[in-house]
Structure formats: structure tokens, C-alpha cells
Amino acid sequence: MFTQIKTTAKNKEAVTVLTRKFALGAENVIGRIAIAYSLQSGVKFSPLDVKDSGGKEYSKGVLFGNLYPVYAAIMCKHYNIKMSDKDLPRYFKMHLDDGLERIMADVKDNPNLVGFDYLFDKIEFGLGQIC
């Protein structure tokens, strides 16, 4: 079990930039979207792939709210692991960082992205099935 997840130092700024760009309000929203976006891409990580943890810190309660069991079940299915797996927090951290990096790349490729248009586009490609 875990209580905190921290992004990489590089992604600390990404959280702020993306939250402002998409007018999401609280910074936990972009974290949830980033995890779902990364999972939706199908990428799988090794627990040894964890990067630095010098960035934005989320408590489990803030990041997931009352949806933690849903996100945990999706992550466990993705990796074919149990909820008690000691690496579950690492997988969340890696998908959080990966999703933030993917979204930042999308923004750099198209700086005129509008928040809702971008999010609806991602939902159309299957993100809605994960969240």
C-alpha cells in the first residue's frame, strides 16, 4: 500500500503547464488523465523503469479521490497482478510520468490545442473506456 506518488522533477512543471492550458482547476485532474492516457496507449513498464521522484507530490486520496479502487483494478488488469502487489505504486508513478510526457508532446506538436477539443479527441480514441 502507498500514500504518496511523486512525478519526475521535469514533470512537476508539466503538471502546472497542462492544468493551466486545459483550465482543469485542481492539479489532480491532469494526473488522472495522464495515467489513463498512458494506460490507453498499451505501454507496459518494468518496476525497474522508475525515474526520479523530485517533482509534484500527490497523496493517494488527492490523486484518485474515491476512484482509487477503479484505477487500481485497471492497473492490475493491465499488468495481470494482484492489488497487493508491492510494485503497484511504481506502476502508477511510471504511468503518471509517461502520460504527462505524452500530453506535453501533444501540446508541443500542436500548441493551439484547446482543452476540451483535445480531451474529447482522446476520449474518442478509447480514453473514456479507461476512466
Protein backbone atom coordinates (compact mmCIF):
# COMPACT_ATOMS: atom_id res chain seq x y z
CA MET A 1 0.00 0.00 0.00
CA PHE A 2 1.17 3.54 -0.61
CA THR A 3 0.20 7.03 0.38
CA GLN A 4 2.23 9.32 -1.93
CA ILE A 5 3.19 9.43 -5.60
CA LYS A 6 5.72 11.93 -6.96
CA THR A 7 6.31 12.86 -10.57
CA THR A 8 9.76 13.38 -12.00
CA ALA A 9 11.28 16.82 -11.47
CA LYS A 10 10.70 17.57 -15.18
CA ASN A 11 7.02 16.67 -14.91
CA LYS A 12 6.42 19.00 -11.96
CA GLU A 13 6.32 21.87 -14.44
CA ALA A 14 4.23 19.81 -16.87
CA VAL A 15 1.51 19.40 -14.23
CA THR A 16 1.27 23.17 -13.80
CA VAL A 17 1.50 23.99 -17.52
CA LEU A 18 -1.10 21.42 -18.57
CA THR A 19 -3.50 22.25 -15.75
CA ARG A 20 -3.42 25.92 -16.81
CA LYS A 21 -3.55 25.20 -20.55
CA PHE A 22 -6.61 22.97 -20.25
CA ALA A 23 -8.21 25.03 -17.43
CA LEU A 24 -8.68 21.90 -15.34
CA GLY A 25 -8.81 23.56 -11.93
CA ALA A 26 -7.13 21.19 -9.49
CA GLU A 27 -3.82 19.63 -10.48
CA ASN A 28 -5.03 16.12 -9.67
CA VAL A 29 -7.25 16.14 -12.77
CA ILE A 30 -4.30 16.18 -15.18
CA GLY A 31 -2.72 13.39 -13.13
CA ARG A 32 -5.78 11.19 -13.57
CA ILE A 33 -5.92 11.96 -17.28
CA ALA A 34 -2.20 11.26 -17.66
CA ILE A 35 -2.45 7.84 -16.02
CA ALA A 36 -5.43 6.89 -18.14
CA TYR A 37 -3.78 8.19 -21.33
CA SER A 38 -0.65 6.17 -20.66
CA LEU A 39 -2.63 3.00 -19.91
CA GLN A 40 -4.73 3.53 -23.03
CA SER A 41 -1.53 3.59 -25.11
CA GLY A 42 -0.88 -0.02 -24.09
CA VAL A 43 2.67 0.62 -22.86
CA LYS A 44 3.98 -1.66 -20.12
CA PHE A 45 6.86 -0.89 -17.80
CA SER A 46 9.23 -2.89 -15.67
CA PRO A 47 9.24 -1.94 -11.97
CA LEU A 48 12.91 -1.09 -12.52
CA ASP A 49 11.99 1.68 -15.01
CA VAL A 50 11.11 4.16 -12.24
CA LYS A 51 12.58 7.63 -12.82
CA ASP A 52 13.40 10.30 -10.26
CA SER A 53 10.78 11.45 -7.78
CA GLY A 54 11.73 15.10 -7.44
CA GLY A 55 8.50 16.61 -8.75
CA LYS A 56 4.85 17.17 -7.92
CA GLU A 57 3.69 15.10 -4.97
CA TYR A 58 0.19 13.69 -4.84
CA SER A 59 -1.35 11.85 -1.94
CA LYS A 60 -3.30 8.78 -2.99
CA GLY A 61 -6.51 10.43 -1.76
CA VAL A 62 -5.92 13.65 -3.70
CA LEU A 63 -4.81 11.96 -6.92
CA PHE A 64 -7.58 9.36 -7.08
CA GLY A 65 -10.26 10.59 -4.68
CA ASN A 66 -12.75 7.80 -4.13
CA LEU A 67 -11.83 6.29 -7.53
CA TYR A 68 -8.65 4.56 -6.33
CA PRO A 69 -10.21 1.07 -6.45
CA VAL A 70 -11.20 1.65 -10.09
CA TYR A 71 -7.73 2.85 -11.13
CA ALA A 72 -6.07 0.05 -9.14
CA ALA A 73 -8.28 -2.57 -10.79
CA ILE A 74 -7.43 -1.22 -14.24
CA MET A 75 -3.71 -1.18 -13.42
CA CYS A 76 -3.85 -4.70 -12.00
CA LYS A 77 -5.63 -5.96 -15.12
CA HIS A 78 -3.10 -4.20 -17.34
CA TYR A 79 -0.18 -5.94 -15.59
CA ASN A 80 -2.00 -9.11 -14.57
CA ILE A 81 -1.10 -8.51 -10.92
CA LYS A 82 -2.98 -8.51 -7.61
CA MET A 83 -3.96 -5.41 -5.64
CA SER A 84 -1.45 -6.48 -3.00
CA ASP A 85 1.48 -6.46 -5.46
CA LYS A 86 4.33 -4.44 -3.99
CA ASP A 87 5.06 -2.83 -7.38
CA LEU A 88 1.59 -1.32 -7.87
CA PRO A 89 2.68 2.16 -6.66
CA ARG A 90 5.63 2.08 -9.07
CA TYR A 91 3.32 1.30 -11.97
CA PHE A 92 1.11 4.26 -11.04
CA LYS A 93 4.14 6.55 -10.87
CA MET A 94 5.51 5.36 -14.22
CA HIS A 95 2.16 5.75 -15.98
CA LEU A 96 1.68 9.18 -14.40
CA ASP A 97 5.06 10.34 -15.73
CA ASP A 98 4.57 8.66 -19.10
CA GLY A 99 1.12 10.19 -19.56
CA LEU A 100 2.34 13.68 -18.65
CA GLU A 101 5.20 13.33 -21.14
CA ARG A 102 2.81 12.14 -23.86
CA ILE A 103 0.40 15.02 -23.27
CA MET A 104 3.25 17.56 -23.23
CA ALA A 105 4.50 16.13 -26.55
CA ASP A 106 1.00 16.51 -28.00
CA VAL A 107 0.92 20.14 -26.83
CA LYS A 108 4.36 20.85 -28.29
CA ASP A 109 3.29 19.32 -31.62
CA ASN A 110 0.12 21.43 -31.64
CA PRO A 111 0.42 24.48 -29.35
CA ASN A 112 -3.07 25.65 -30.35
CA LEU A 113 -4.76 22.65 -28.73
CA VAL A 114 -7.92 23.61 -26.90
CA GLY A 115 -8.53 21.68 -23.70
CA PHE A 116 -11.96 20.26 -24.36
CA ASP A 117 -11.24 19.54 -28.05
CA TYR A 118 -8.09 17.66 -27.09
CA LEU A 119 -9.78 15.70 -24.31
CA PHE A 120 -12.77 14.79 -26.48
CA ASP A 121 -10.37 13.60 -29.17
CA LYS A 122 -8.64 11.33 -26.63
CA ILE A 123 -11.99 10.05 -25.36
CA GLU A 124 -12.94 9.20 -28.93
CA PHE A 125 -9.80 7.03 -29.17
CA GLY A 126 -10.71 5.00 -26.11
CA LEU A 127 -9.66 7.00 -23.08
CA GLY A 128 -13.27 7.09 -21.96
CA GLN A 129 -13.28 3.31 -21.61
CA ILE A 130 -10.41 3.50 -19.10
CA CYS A 131 -11.66 6.33 -16.90
